């Protein structure tokens, strides 16, 4: 996962509900992914520990 990539993730939110998100990666650290979420239309921070699956759709 690299900045600019568009990725589909399966993410477990704080309420333990699983959601499918399409995101555009802004930055990646050891613990977090900062990305624009197309569903929420906002920049969000995702914990890597809560990402259960990811599939790159478009590479930067």
N, C-alpha and C. Protein backbone atom coordinates (compact mmCIF):
# COMPACT_ATOMS: atom_id res chain seq x y z
N UNK A 1 0.85 -1.17 0.00
CA UNK A 1 0.00 0.00 0.00
C UNK A 1 0.90 1.24 0.00
N UNK A 2 0.67 2.10 -0.98
CA UNK A 2 1.51 3.28 -1.14
C UNK A 2 0.63 4.52 -1.33
N UNK A 3 1.16 5.71 -0.98
CA UNK A 3 0.39 6.93 -1.20
C UNK A 3 -0.08 7.03 -2.66
N UNK A 4 -1.35 7.39 -2.81
CA UNK A 4 -1.95 7.50 -4.13
C UNK A 4 -2.71 6.26 -4.57
N UNK A 5 -2.41 5.11 -3.99
CA UNK A 5 -3.13 3.89 -4.33
C UNK A 5 -4.60 4.00 -3.93
N UNK A 6 -5.45 3.42 -4.75
CA UNK A 6 -6.86 3.26 -4.37
C UNK A 6 -7.03 1.80 -3.99
N UNK A 7 -7.56 1.59 -2.78
CA UNK A 7 -7.60 0.26 -2.18
C UNK A 7 -8.99 0.01 -1.61
N UNK A 8 -9.46 -1.22 -1.74
CA UNK A 8 -10.68 -1.65 -1.06
C UNK A 8 -10.25 -2.42 0.17
N UNK A 9 -10.79 -2.02 1.34
CA UNK A 9 -10.44 -2.71 2.58
C UNK A 9 -11.70 -3.23 3.27
N UNK A 10 -11.54 -4.30 4.01
CA UNK A 10 -12.56 -4.76 4.96
C UNK A 10 -12.02 -4.34 6.32
N UNK A 11 -12.78 -3.50 7.01
CA UNK A 11 -12.31 -2.84 8.22
C UNK A 11 -13.27 -3.09 9.37
N UNK A 12 -12.72 -3.38 10.53
CA UNK A 12 -13.54 -3.56 11.74
C UNK A 12 -13.50 -2.26 12.54
N UNK A 13 -14.63 -1.59 12.62
CA UNK A 13 -14.71 -0.33 13.34
C UNK A 13 -14.67 -0.53 14.85
N UNK A 14 -14.69 0.57 15.58
CA UNK A 14 -14.63 0.51 17.04
C UNK A 14 -15.81 -0.23 17.65
N UNK A 15 -16.94 -0.24 16.96
CA UNK A 15 -18.12 -0.95 17.46
C UNK A 15 -18.10 -2.42 17.06
N UNK A 16 -16.96 -2.88 16.52
CA UNK A 16 -16.76 -4.26 16.06
C UNK A 16 -17.57 -4.62 14.82
N UNK A 17 -18.17 -3.64 14.17
CA UNK A 17 -18.90 -3.88 12.93
C UNK A 17 -17.91 -3.86 11.76
N UNK A 18 -18.04 -4.83 10.85
CA UNK A 18 -17.18 -4.89 9.67
C UNK A 18 -17.79 -4.08 8.54
N UNK A 19 -16.95 -3.28 7.88
CA UNK A 19 -17.41 -2.49 6.74
C UNK A 19 -16.42 -2.63 5.59
N UNK A 20 -16.94 -2.46 4.39
CA UNK A 20 -16.11 -2.46 3.19
C UNK A 20 -15.91 -1.00 2.80
N UNK A 21 -14.66 -0.58 2.67
CA UNK A 21 -14.36 0.81 2.35
C UNK A 21 -13.46 0.89 1.13
N UNK A 22 -13.70 1.88 0.28
CA UNK A 22 -12.79 2.18 -0.83
C UNK A 22 -12.07 3.46 -0.43
N UNK A 23 -10.75 3.40 -0.41
CA UNK A 23 -9.96 4.52 0.09
C UNK A 23 -8.85 4.90 -0.88
N UNK A 24 -8.43 6.17 -0.82
CA UNK A 24 -7.24 6.63 -1.54
C UNK A 24 -6.19 6.92 -0.48
N UNK A 25 -5.11 6.17 -0.50
CA UNK A 25 -4.08 6.25 0.54
C UNK A 25 -3.34 7.59 0.44
N UNK A 26 -3.21 8.24 1.59
CA UNK A 26 -2.44 9.48 1.69
C UNK A 26 -1.07 9.20 2.29
N UNK A 27 -1.05 8.45 3.40
CA UNK A 27 0.22 8.09 4.03
C UNK A 27 0.04 6.80 4.82
N UNK A 28 1.16 6.12 5.05
CA UNK A 28 1.16 4.86 5.78
C UNK A 28 2.27 4.91 6.82
N UNK A 29 1.93 4.57 8.07
CA UNK A 29 2.94 4.47 9.13
C UNK A 29 2.95 3.03 9.65
N UNK A 30 3.69 2.78 10.70
CA UNK A 30 3.75 1.43 11.26
C UNK A 30 2.39 0.94 11.75
N UNK A 31 1.59 1.86 12.29
CA UNK A 31 0.32 1.46 12.91
C UNK A 31 -0.93 1.96 12.19
N UNK A 32 -0.80 3.01 11.36
CA UNK A 32 -1.98 3.65 10.79
C UNK A 32 -1.88 3.88 9.29
N UNK A 33 -3.06 3.98 8.68
CA UNK A 33 -3.19 4.36 7.28
C UNK A 33 -4.04 5.63 7.26
N UNK A 34 -3.51 6.68 6.71
CA UNK A 34 -4.26 7.94 6.55
C UNK A 34 -4.75 7.93 5.11
N UNK A 35 -6.07 8.11 4.92
CA UNK A 35 -6.63 7.97 3.59
C UNK A 35 -7.93 8.74 3.44
N UNK A 36 -8.25 9.06 2.19
CA UNK A 36 -9.56 9.62 1.87
C UNK A 36 -10.51 8.45 1.70
N UNK A 37 -11.61 8.44 2.47
CA UNK A 37 -12.62 7.39 2.38
C UNK A 37 -13.72 7.87 1.44
N UNK A 38 -13.95 7.14 0.35
CA UNK A 38 -14.97 7.53 -0.62
C UNK A 38 -16.38 7.39 -0.04
N UNK A 39 -16.59 6.45 0.88
CA UNK A 39 -17.91 6.27 1.51
C UNK A 39 -18.28 7.45 2.39
N UNK A 40 -17.33 7.88 3.21
CA UNK A 40 -17.57 8.97 4.16
C UNK A 40 -17.32 10.34 3.57
N UNK A 41 -16.61 10.35 2.43
CA UNK A 41 -16.21 11.61 1.78
C UNK A 41 -15.40 12.49 2.72
N UNK A 42 -14.51 11.82 3.48
CA UNK A 42 -13.65 12.52 4.44
C UNK A 42 -12.31 11.82 4.50
N UNK A 43 -11.31 12.57 4.98
CA UNK A 43 -10.02 11.96 5.28
C UNK A 43 -10.14 11.28 6.63
N UNK A 44 -9.72 10.03 6.68
CA UNK A 44 -9.84 9.21 7.89
C UNK A 44 -8.50 8.56 8.22
N UNK A 45 -8.36 8.16 9.47
CA UNK A 45 -7.19 7.40 9.91
C UNK A 45 -7.68 6.01 10.28
N UNK A 46 -7.09 4.99 9.66
CA UNK A 46 -7.47 3.61 9.89
C UNK A 46 -6.33 2.89 10.62
N UNK A 47 -6.66 2.15 11.65
CA UNK A 47 -5.68 1.34 12.35
C UNK A 47 -5.38 0.10 11.52
N UNK A 48 -4.11 -0.16 11.28
CA UNK A 48 -3.74 -1.35 10.50
C UNK A 48 -4.21 -2.63 11.18
N UNK A 49 -4.25 -2.62 12.50
CA UNK A 49 -4.67 -3.81 13.25
C UNK A 49 -6.13 -4.17 13.00
N UNK A 50 -6.92 -3.22 12.53
CA UNK A 50 -8.35 -3.45 12.27
C UNK A 50 -8.66 -3.71 10.80
N UNK A 51 -7.63 -3.70 9.94
CA UNK A 51 -7.83 -4.01 8.52
C UNK A 51 -7.67 -5.53 8.36
N UNK A 52 -8.74 -6.19 7.97
CA UNK A 52 -8.71 -7.65 7.84
C UNK A 52 -8.40 -8.11 6.43
N UNK A 53 -8.65 -7.24 5.45
CA UNK A 53 -8.39 -7.61 4.07
C UNK A 53 -8.19 -6.33 3.27
N UNK A 54 -7.33 -6.40 2.27
CA UNK A 54 -7.15 -5.24 1.39
C UNK A 54 -6.83 -5.72 -0.03
N UNK A 55 -7.32 -4.96 -1.00
CA UNK A 55 -7.07 -5.28 -2.40
C UNK A 55 -6.84 -3.98 -3.15
N UNK A 56 -5.67 -3.85 -3.75
CA UNK A 56 -5.35 -2.64 -4.52
C UNK A 56 -6.17 -2.64 -5.80
N UNK A 57 -6.83 -1.52 -6.06
CA UNK A 57 -7.66 -1.37 -7.25
C UNK A 57 -6.86 -0.61 -8.31
N UNK A 58 -6.23 0.48 -7.88
CA UNK A 58 -5.42 1.31 -8.80
C UNK A 58 -4.12 1.66 -8.10
N UNK A 59 -3.00 1.43 -8.77
CA UNK A 59 -1.70 1.80 -8.22
C UNK A 59 -1.35 3.22 -8.61
N UNK A 60 -0.66 3.91 -7.69
CA UNK A 60 -0.23 5.28 -7.96
C UNK A 60 0.93 5.29 -8.93
